[in-house]
Amino acid sequence: MPLPAWDDPELKSGTMVRGALWLIQVVGEGNTFTKEQIRKAFPRVSQADRRIRDLRDYGWVMLTNTEDATLTAEDQRFIKVGVPVWDPVARRAATPQKAISNKEKQAVMARDHYMCTICGISGGDSYYDDSNQTAVLSVTRRKTVLPDTSEETLLVTECKRCRSGADGALARADEAIAEIKSLAPGDQRRLLRWIERDRRGSTQLERAWNSYRRLPADARDEVRSALEG
């Protein structure tokens, strides 16, 4: 079914729906837009930019200069379409749940050591493959299959980049257990020690490699020469 036109005068929808269609039909995924463009597109609507921000509650991803240093304070980048909010059935099914309280957010972030549970980055750190972006952490809901195969929605800490790249797949504790049980007994015991310490262990070889990699390039050359000599 073709999408309705965002500026169709016969479209009986609110600004959030029209804004979603405008993002798709005018801006396009991967492109930037400004508050001034929003004001021009919706000239008689107060706080139209807020209505468009509300799309984030439905899985739409838009970055600001806080997450993408290549943007100005006025710019936003439209990254990904979320729930088709122009479809009443889809919108009702995805109506945002009760907001996560600040107390809950702090408790979850502290539990997760203020790191993204997917990629491990800390809030405010730059991504190793894109120094223009810094990590912004948030607490989100993740549908999870527990070991007894029951489903539950749990709170986790994620960075916005991992969240925007998520495919919506369930987190599966049952599959994790099956994979762990397939390990050799020695590897299972080693993994259990990591779990008890809540951090991955490292071998002497890995520690030596990390020490070498932390050196400046000239110092690494000296180390290499010393070893080869």
Protein backbone atom coordinates (compact mmCIF):
# COMPACT_ATOMS: atom_id res chain seq x y z
CA MET A 1 0.00 0.00 0.00
CA PRO A 2 1.50 3.39 -0.99
CA LEU A 3 2.22 5.86 1.79
CA PRO A 4 -0.03 8.89 2.10
CA ALA A 5 1.59 12.18 1.13
CA TRP A 6 2.83 14.10 4.15
CA ASP A 7 1.24 17.36 2.94
CA ASP A 8 -2.04 15.91 1.68
CA PRO A 9 -4.77 18.25 3.02
CA GLU A 10 -7.13 15.28 3.20
CA LEU A 11 -4.84 13.38 5.56
CA LYS A 12 -6.55 13.32 8.96
CA SER A 13 -3.44 12.74 11.07
CA GLY A 14 -1.49 14.64 13.69
CA THR A 15 1.88 16.30 13.38
CA MET A 16 3.84 13.26 14.55
CA VAL A 17 2.43 11.14 11.71
CA ARG A 18 2.87 13.93 9.15
CA GLY A 19 6.40 14.47 10.46
CA ALA A 20 7.21 10.79 10.00
CA LEU A 21 6.00 10.91 6.40
CA TRP A 22 7.93 14.16 5.84
CA LEU A 23 11.14 12.52 7.07
CA ILE A 24 10.67 9.64 4.62
CA GLN A 25 9.43 11.60 1.62
CA VAL A 26 11.43 14.82 1.91
CA VAL A 27 14.50 14.21 4.06
CA GLY A 28 15.33 10.55 3.41
CA GLU A 29 17.31 8.14 5.58
CA GLY A 30 20.93 9.18 6.10
CA ASN A 31 20.30 12.86 5.36
CA THR A 32 20.19 15.87 7.64
CA PHE A 33 17.46 18.36 8.46
CA THR A 34 17.12 21.45 10.63
CA LYS A 35 14.57 23.00 12.94
CA GLU A 36 14.11 25.77 10.39
CA GLN A 37 13.10 23.20 7.77
CA ILE A 38 10.59 21.75 10.22
CA ARG A 39 9.14 25.22 10.88
CA LYS A 40 8.77 25.84 7.15
CA ALA A 41 7.16 22.43 6.57
CA PHE A 42 4.69 22.91 9.46
CA PRO A 43 4.30 26.70 9.68
CA ARG A 44 1.11 26.78 11.73
CA VAL A 45 2.08 24.06 14.20
CA SER A 46 3.64 24.97 17.53
CA GLN A 47 6.40 22.64 18.78
CA ALA A 48 6.41 20.60 15.58
CA ASP A 49 10.02 19.64 16.32
CA ARG A 50 8.88 18.08 19.62
CA ARG A 51 6.22 16.04 17.82
CA ILE A 52 8.90 14.72 15.49
CA ARG A 53 11.17 13.91 18.45
CA ASP A 54 8.30 11.83 19.84
CA LEU A 55 8.97 9.39 16.99
CA ARG A 56 11.99 8.15 18.95
CA ASP A 57 9.57 6.43 21.31
CA TYR A 58 8.50 4.35 18.30
CA GLY A 59 11.97 3.26 17.27
CA TRP A 60 12.78 6.10 14.85
CA VAL A 61 16.45 7.07 15.06
CA MET A 62 17.62 10.67 14.68
CA LEU A 63 21.04 11.86 15.79
CA THR A 64 22.03 15.31 17.05
CA ASN A 65 25.48 16.87 17.41
CA THR A 66 25.70 15.20 20.84
CA GLU A 67 26.01 11.81 19.12
CA ASP A 68 27.53 12.94 15.80
CA ALA A 69 30.23 15.62 16.02
CA THR A 70 29.95 16.34 12.27
CA LEU A 71 26.55 17.96 12.89
CA THR A 72 25.94 21.54 13.99
CA ALA A 73 23.69 22.40 16.91
CA GLU A 74 20.88 23.09 14.44
CA ASP A 75 21.25 19.87 12.46
CA GLN A 76 19.86 16.40 12.98
CA ARG A 77 20.51 13.29 10.93
CA PHE A 78 17.64 10.94 10.10
CA ILE A 79 19.08 7.44 10.49
CA LYS A 80 16.29 4.86 10.53
CA VAL A 81 12.54 4.48 10.09
CA GLY A 82 10.76 2.92 13.06
CA VAL A 83 7.17 1.84 13.63
CA PRO A 84 4.86 2.94 10.78
CA VAL A 85 2.93 5.37 12.96
CA TRP A 86 0.53 6.25 10.11
CA ASP A 87 -0.87 2.72 10.57
CA PRO A 88 -3.21 2.91 13.60
CA VAL A 89 -2.89 -0.82 14.34
CA ALA A 90 0.93 -0.73 14.31
CA ARG A 91 0.98 2.45 16.36
CA ARG A 92 -1.33 1.05 19.04
CA ALA A 93 0.70 -2.15 19.24
CA ALA A 94 3.87 -0.12 19.77
CA THR A 95 2.47 2.50 22.15
CA PRO A 96 5.36 3.40 24.46
CA GLN A 97 5.30 1.73 27.84
CA LYS A 98 5.44 3.60 31.09
CA ALA A 99 8.54 5.77 31.16
CA ILE A 100 11.58 4.35 32.92
CA SER A 101 12.20 6.45 36.03
CA ASN A 102 15.50 8.21 36.65
CA LYS A 103 16.03 6.00 39.71
CA GLU A 104 15.59 2.87 37.58
CA LYS A 105 17.95 4.25 34.91
CA GLN A 106 20.68 4.97 37.45
CA ALA A 107 20.33 1.51 39.00
CA VAL A 108 20.53 -0.25 35.61
CA MET A 109 23.52 1.82 34.43
CA ALA A 110 25.36 1.17 37.69
CA ARG A 111 24.66 -2.56 37.35
CA ASP A 112 26.01 -2.48 33.78
CA HIS A 113 29.10 -0.47 34.89
CA TYR A 114 28.03 2.52 32.78
CA MET A 115 28.91 0.64 29.60
CA CYS A 116 26.90 -0.47 26.58
CA THR A 117 25.99 -4.12 27.12
CA ILE A 118 26.40 -4.78 23.38
CA CYS A 119 29.68 -3.13 22.36
CA GLY A 120 31.18 -2.30 25.78
CA ILE A 121 31.79 1.40 25.16
CA SER A 122 31.49 3.86 28.05
CA GLY A 123 29.38 6.99 27.86
CA GLY A 124 31.26 9.96 26.36
CA ASP A 125 33.97 7.81 24.76
CA SER A 126 34.66 8.08 21.03
CA TYR A 127 34.09 5.04 18.83
CA TYR A 128 37.37 3.51 17.70
CA ASP A 129 36.16 3.40 14.09
CA ASP A 130 34.58 6.86 14.06
CA SER A 131 36.16 9.50 16.29
CA ASN A 132 33.49 12.02 15.27
CA GLN A 133 30.88 10.12 17.25
CA THR A 134 30.82 9.85 21.01
CA ALA A 135 28.78 7.27 22.86
CA VAL A 136 25.54 8.34 24.51
CA LEU A 137 24.13 5.69 26.83
CA SER A 138 20.48 5.07 27.52
CA VAL A 139 18.46 2.44 29.32
CA THR A 140 16.16 0.51 27.01
CA ARG A 141 13.80 -2.43 27.14
CA ARG A 142 14.97 -5.70 25.58
CA LYS A 143 12.71 -8.69 24.97
CA THR A 144 14.53 -11.72 26.30
CA VAL A 145 13.97 -15.48 26.19
CA LEU A 146 14.94 -16.84 29.62
CA PRO A 147 16.49 -20.28 30.25
CA ASP A 148 13.04 -21.83 30.80
CA THR A 149 12.00 -20.44 27.35
CA SER A 150 9.60 -17.89 28.88
CA GLU A 151 9.76 -14.34 27.53
CA GLU A 152 10.32 -11.23 29.62
CA THR A 153 11.12 -7.60 28.83
CA LEU A 154 14.23 -6.55 30.75
CA LEU A 155 16.10 -3.26 31.12
CA VAL A 156 19.61 -2.94 29.66
CA THR A 157 22.15 -0.19 29.01
CA GLU A 158 22.85 0.46 25.33
CA CYS A 159 24.60 3.17 23.34
CA LYS A 160 22.54 4.93 20.70
CA ARG A 161 24.61 3.48 17.85
CA CYS A 162 23.96 -0.11 18.91
CA ARG A 163 20.33 0.70 19.55
CA SER A 164 19.91 2.21 16.09
CA GLY A 165 21.52 -0.86 14.49
CA ALA A 166 19.43 -3.38 16.40
CA ASP A 167 17.37 -5.75 14.28
CA GLY A 168 14.72 -6.33 16.92
CA ALA A 169 15.82 -9.93 17.51
CA LEU A 170 15.18 -11.41 20.93
CA ALA A 171 18.02 -11.81 23.40
CA ARG A 172 18.17 -15.56 24.08
CA ALA A 173 19.46 -16.80 27.42
CA ASP A 174 18.42 -20.34 26.47
CA GLU A 175 20.73 -20.33 23.43
CA ALA A 176 23.56 -18.83 25.51
CA ILE A 177 23.30 -21.70 28.00
CA ALA A 178 23.28 -24.27 25.20
CA GLU A 179 26.40 -22.73 23.68
CA ILE A 180 28.18 -22.61 27.05
CA LYS A 181 27.34 -26.26 27.74
CA SER A 182 28.90 -27.22 24.40
CA LEU A 183 32.29 -25.92 25.61
CA ALA A 184 34.97 -28.23 26.91
CA PRO A 185 34.88 -28.57 30.74
CA GLY A 186 38.03 -26.46 31.17
CA ASP A 187 36.59 -23.64 29.09
CA GLN A 188 33.33 -23.82 31.04
CA ARG A 189 35.22 -23.41 34.32
CA ARG A 190 37.18 -20.47 32.91
CA LEU A 191 33.99 -18.79 31.68
CA LEU A 192 32.37 -19.30 35.08
CA ARG A 193 35.30 -17.46 36.71
CA TRP A 194 34.75 -14.56 34.28
CA ILE A 195 31.06 -14.53 35.17
CA GLU A 196 31.82 -14.53 38.91
CA ARG A 197 34.24 -11.59 38.48
CA ASP A 198 31.86 -9.93 35.99
CA ARG A 199 34.75 -9.33 33.62
CA ARG A 200 36.67 -11.31 31.07
CA GLY A 201 39.99 -12.74 32.12
CA SER A 202 43.15 -12.42 30.05
CA THR A 203 46.21 -14.54 29.43
CA GLN A 204 49.79 -13.42 29.99
CA LEU A 205 50.18 -13.26 26.19
CA GLU A 206 47.15 -10.97 25.87
CA ARG A 207 48.46 -8.70 28.64
CA ALA A 208 51.84 -8.47 26.92
CA TRP A 209 50.16 -7.63 23.61
CA ASN A 210 48.05 -4.89 25.26
CA SER A 211 51.17 -3.43 26.90
CA TYR A 212 52.88 -3.34 23.51
CA ARG A 213 49.90 -1.77 21.74
CA ARG A 214 49.66 1.04 24.31
CA LEU A 215 53.15 2.25 23.37
CA PRO A 216 53.69 5.10 20.87
CA ALA A 217 54.59 3.95 17.36
CA ASP A 218 58.31 4.82 17.73
CA ALA A 219 58.50 2.89 21.00
CA ARG A 220 56.82 -0.12 19.36
CA ASP A 221 59.52 -0.04 16.66
CA GLU A 222 62.20 -0.09 19.38
CA VAL A 223 60.55 -3.05 21.11
CA ARG A 224 60.29 -4.94 17.83
CA SER A 225 63.96 -4.29 17.05
CA ALA A 226 64.99 -5.43 20.52
CA LEU A 227 63.04 -8.66 20.18
CA GLU A 228 64.28 -9.40 16.68
CA GLY A 229 67.85 -8.72 17.74
